[in-house]
Amino acid sequence: MRLKNERSSNKIHVLRQLLSMYSHKLADSFVVITESQVRFRNL
């Protein structure tokens, strides 16, 4: 996570969005999350 706002409440919010939108892509991937984008790299 590369977030400008590193408060725990913001991290929880971002993780919930990630899981709800991209849960199918998380397996076998390296993920970088910012406020504006999510990047995936296959392992």
N, C-alpha and C. Protein backbone atom coordinates (compact mmCIF):
# COMPACT_ATOMS: atom_id res chain seq x y z
N MET A 1 0.84 -1.17 0.00
CA MET A 1 0.00 0.00 0.00
C MET A 1 0.88 1.23 0.00
N ARG A 2 0.66 2.07 -0.98
CA ARG A 2 1.36 3.34 -1.07
C ARG A 2 0.32 4.44 -0.99
N LEU A 3 -0.04 4.75 0.23
CA LEU A 3 -1.11 5.71 0.46
C LEU A 3 -0.56 6.98 1.10
N LYS A 4 -1.10 8.12 0.68
CA LYS A 4 -0.72 9.38 1.31
C LYS A 4 -1.30 9.45 2.72
N ASN A 5 -2.54 9.00 2.85
CA ASN A 5 -3.21 8.95 4.15
C ASN A 5 -3.04 7.54 4.70
N GLU A 6 -2.13 7.36 5.64
CA GLU A 6 -1.83 6.02 6.16
C GLU A 6 -2.58 5.71 7.46
N ARG A 7 -3.63 6.43 7.73
CA ARG A 7 -4.42 6.12 8.92
C ARG A 7 -5.08 4.76 8.75
N SER A 8 -5.21 4.06 9.85
CA SER A 8 -5.74 2.70 9.79
C SER A 8 -7.14 2.66 9.20
N SER A 9 -7.97 3.65 9.48
CA SER A 9 -9.32 3.65 8.93
C SER A 9 -9.30 3.76 7.40
N ASN A 10 -8.37 4.51 6.86
CA ASN A 10 -8.24 4.62 5.40
C ASN A 10 -7.73 3.31 4.80
N LYS A 11 -6.77 2.67 5.47
CA LYS A 11 -6.25 1.39 4.98
C LYS A 11 -7.36 0.33 4.93
N ILE A 12 -8.19 0.30 5.95
CA ILE A 12 -9.30 -0.65 5.99
C ILE A 12 -10.26 -0.37 4.84
N HIS A 13 -10.56 0.88 4.60
CA HIS A 13 -11.45 1.26 3.51
C HIS A 13 -10.89 0.81 2.16
N VAL A 14 -9.61 1.07 1.93
CA VAL A 14 -8.97 0.70 0.66
C VAL A 14 -8.93 -0.81 0.50
N LEU A 15 -8.62 -1.55 1.55
CA LEU A 15 -8.60 -3.01 1.47
C LEU A 15 -9.98 -3.60 1.20
N ARG A 16 -11.00 -3.02 1.81
CA ARG A 16 -12.37 -3.50 1.54
C ARG A 16 -12.73 -3.29 0.09
N GLN A 17 -12.37 -2.15 -0.47
CA GLN A 17 -12.64 -1.91 -1.89
C GLN A 17 -11.88 -2.89 -2.77
N LEU A 18 -10.62 -3.13 -2.42
CA LEU A 18 -9.81 -4.07 -3.18
C LEU A 18 -10.44 -5.45 -3.18
N LEU A 19 -10.83 -5.92 -2.02
CA LEU A 19 -11.42 -7.26 -1.92
C LEU A 19 -12.75 -7.36 -2.64
N SER A 20 -13.55 -6.32 -2.58
CA SER A 20 -14.86 -6.39 -3.23
C SER A 20 -14.76 -6.30 -4.75
N MET A 21 -13.76 -5.59 -5.26
CA MET A 21 -13.66 -5.38 -6.70
C MET A 21 -12.71 -6.35 -7.40
N TYR A 22 -11.67 -6.83 -6.70
CA TYR A 22 -10.62 -7.60 -7.36
C TYR A 22 -10.28 -8.91 -6.67
N SER A 23 -11.15 -9.45 -5.88
CA SER A 23 -10.82 -10.67 -5.14
C SER A 23 -10.43 -11.82 -6.06
N HIS A 24 -11.00 -11.87 -7.25
CA HIS A 24 -10.70 -12.95 -8.20
C HIS A 24 -9.30 -12.84 -8.79
N LYS A 25 -8.65 -11.68 -8.70
CA LYS A 25 -7.33 -11.48 -9.30
C LYS A 25 -6.19 -11.55 -8.28
N LEU A 26 -6.49 -11.70 -7.00
CA LEU A 26 -5.47 -11.60 -5.96
C LEU A 26 -4.56 -12.82 -5.87
N ALA A 27 -5.07 -14.00 -6.17
CA ALA A 27 -4.26 -15.22 -6.06
C ALA A 27 -3.10 -15.15 -7.05
N ASP A 28 -1.92 -15.49 -6.58
CA ASP A 28 -0.71 -15.53 -7.40
C ASP A 28 -0.36 -14.17 -8.02
N SER A 29 -0.64 -13.09 -7.32
CA SER A 29 -0.33 -11.76 -7.83
C SER A 29 0.36 -10.93 -6.76
N PHE A 30 1.23 -10.05 -7.23
CA PHE A 30 1.81 -9.01 -6.40
C PHE A 30 0.98 -7.76 -6.67
N VAL A 31 0.48 -7.12 -5.60
CA VAL A 31 -0.46 -6.02 -5.77
C VAL A 31 0.12 -4.75 -5.14
N VAL A 32 0.03 -3.65 -5.88
CA VAL A 32 0.39 -2.33 -5.36
C VAL A 32 -0.86 -1.47 -5.43
N ILE A 33 -1.20 -0.87 -4.28
CA ILE A 33 -2.42 -0.08 -4.19
C ILE A 33 -2.04 1.37 -3.87
N THR A 34 -2.60 2.29 -4.65
CA THR A 34 -2.49 3.72 -4.35
C THR A 34 -3.90 4.29 -4.29
N GLU A 35 -4.00 5.57 -4.00
CA GLU A 35 -5.32 6.19 -3.96
C GLU A 35 -6.01 6.17 -5.32
N SER A 36 -5.24 6.19 -6.38
CA SER A 36 -5.84 6.31 -7.70
C SER A 36 -5.82 5.04 -8.55
N GLN A 37 -5.05 4.02 -8.15
CA GLN A 37 -4.99 2.83 -8.99
C GLN A 37 -4.57 1.59 -8.21
N VAL A 38 -4.83 0.45 -8.84
CA VAL A 38 -4.41 -0.85 -8.33
C VAL A 38 -3.63 -1.51 -9.45
N ARG A 39 -2.41 -1.97 -9.15
CA ARG A 39 -1.58 -2.63 -10.16
C ARG A 39 -1.33 -4.07 -9.75
N PHE A 40 -1.41 -4.97 -10.72
CA PHE A 40 -1.20 -6.39 -10.49
C PHE A 40 -0.02 -6.86 -11.33
N ARG A 41 0.80 -7.71 -10.74
CA ARG A 41 1.86 -8.42 -11.46
C ARG A 41 1.75 -9.89 -11.09
N ASN A 42 1.67 -10.73 -12.10
CA ASN A 42 1.60 -12.17 -11.86
C ASN A 42 2.93 -12.67 -11.33
N LEU A 43 2.86 -13.61 -10.40
CA LEU A 43 4.06 -14.21 -9.84
C LEU A 43 4.46 -15.44 -10.61
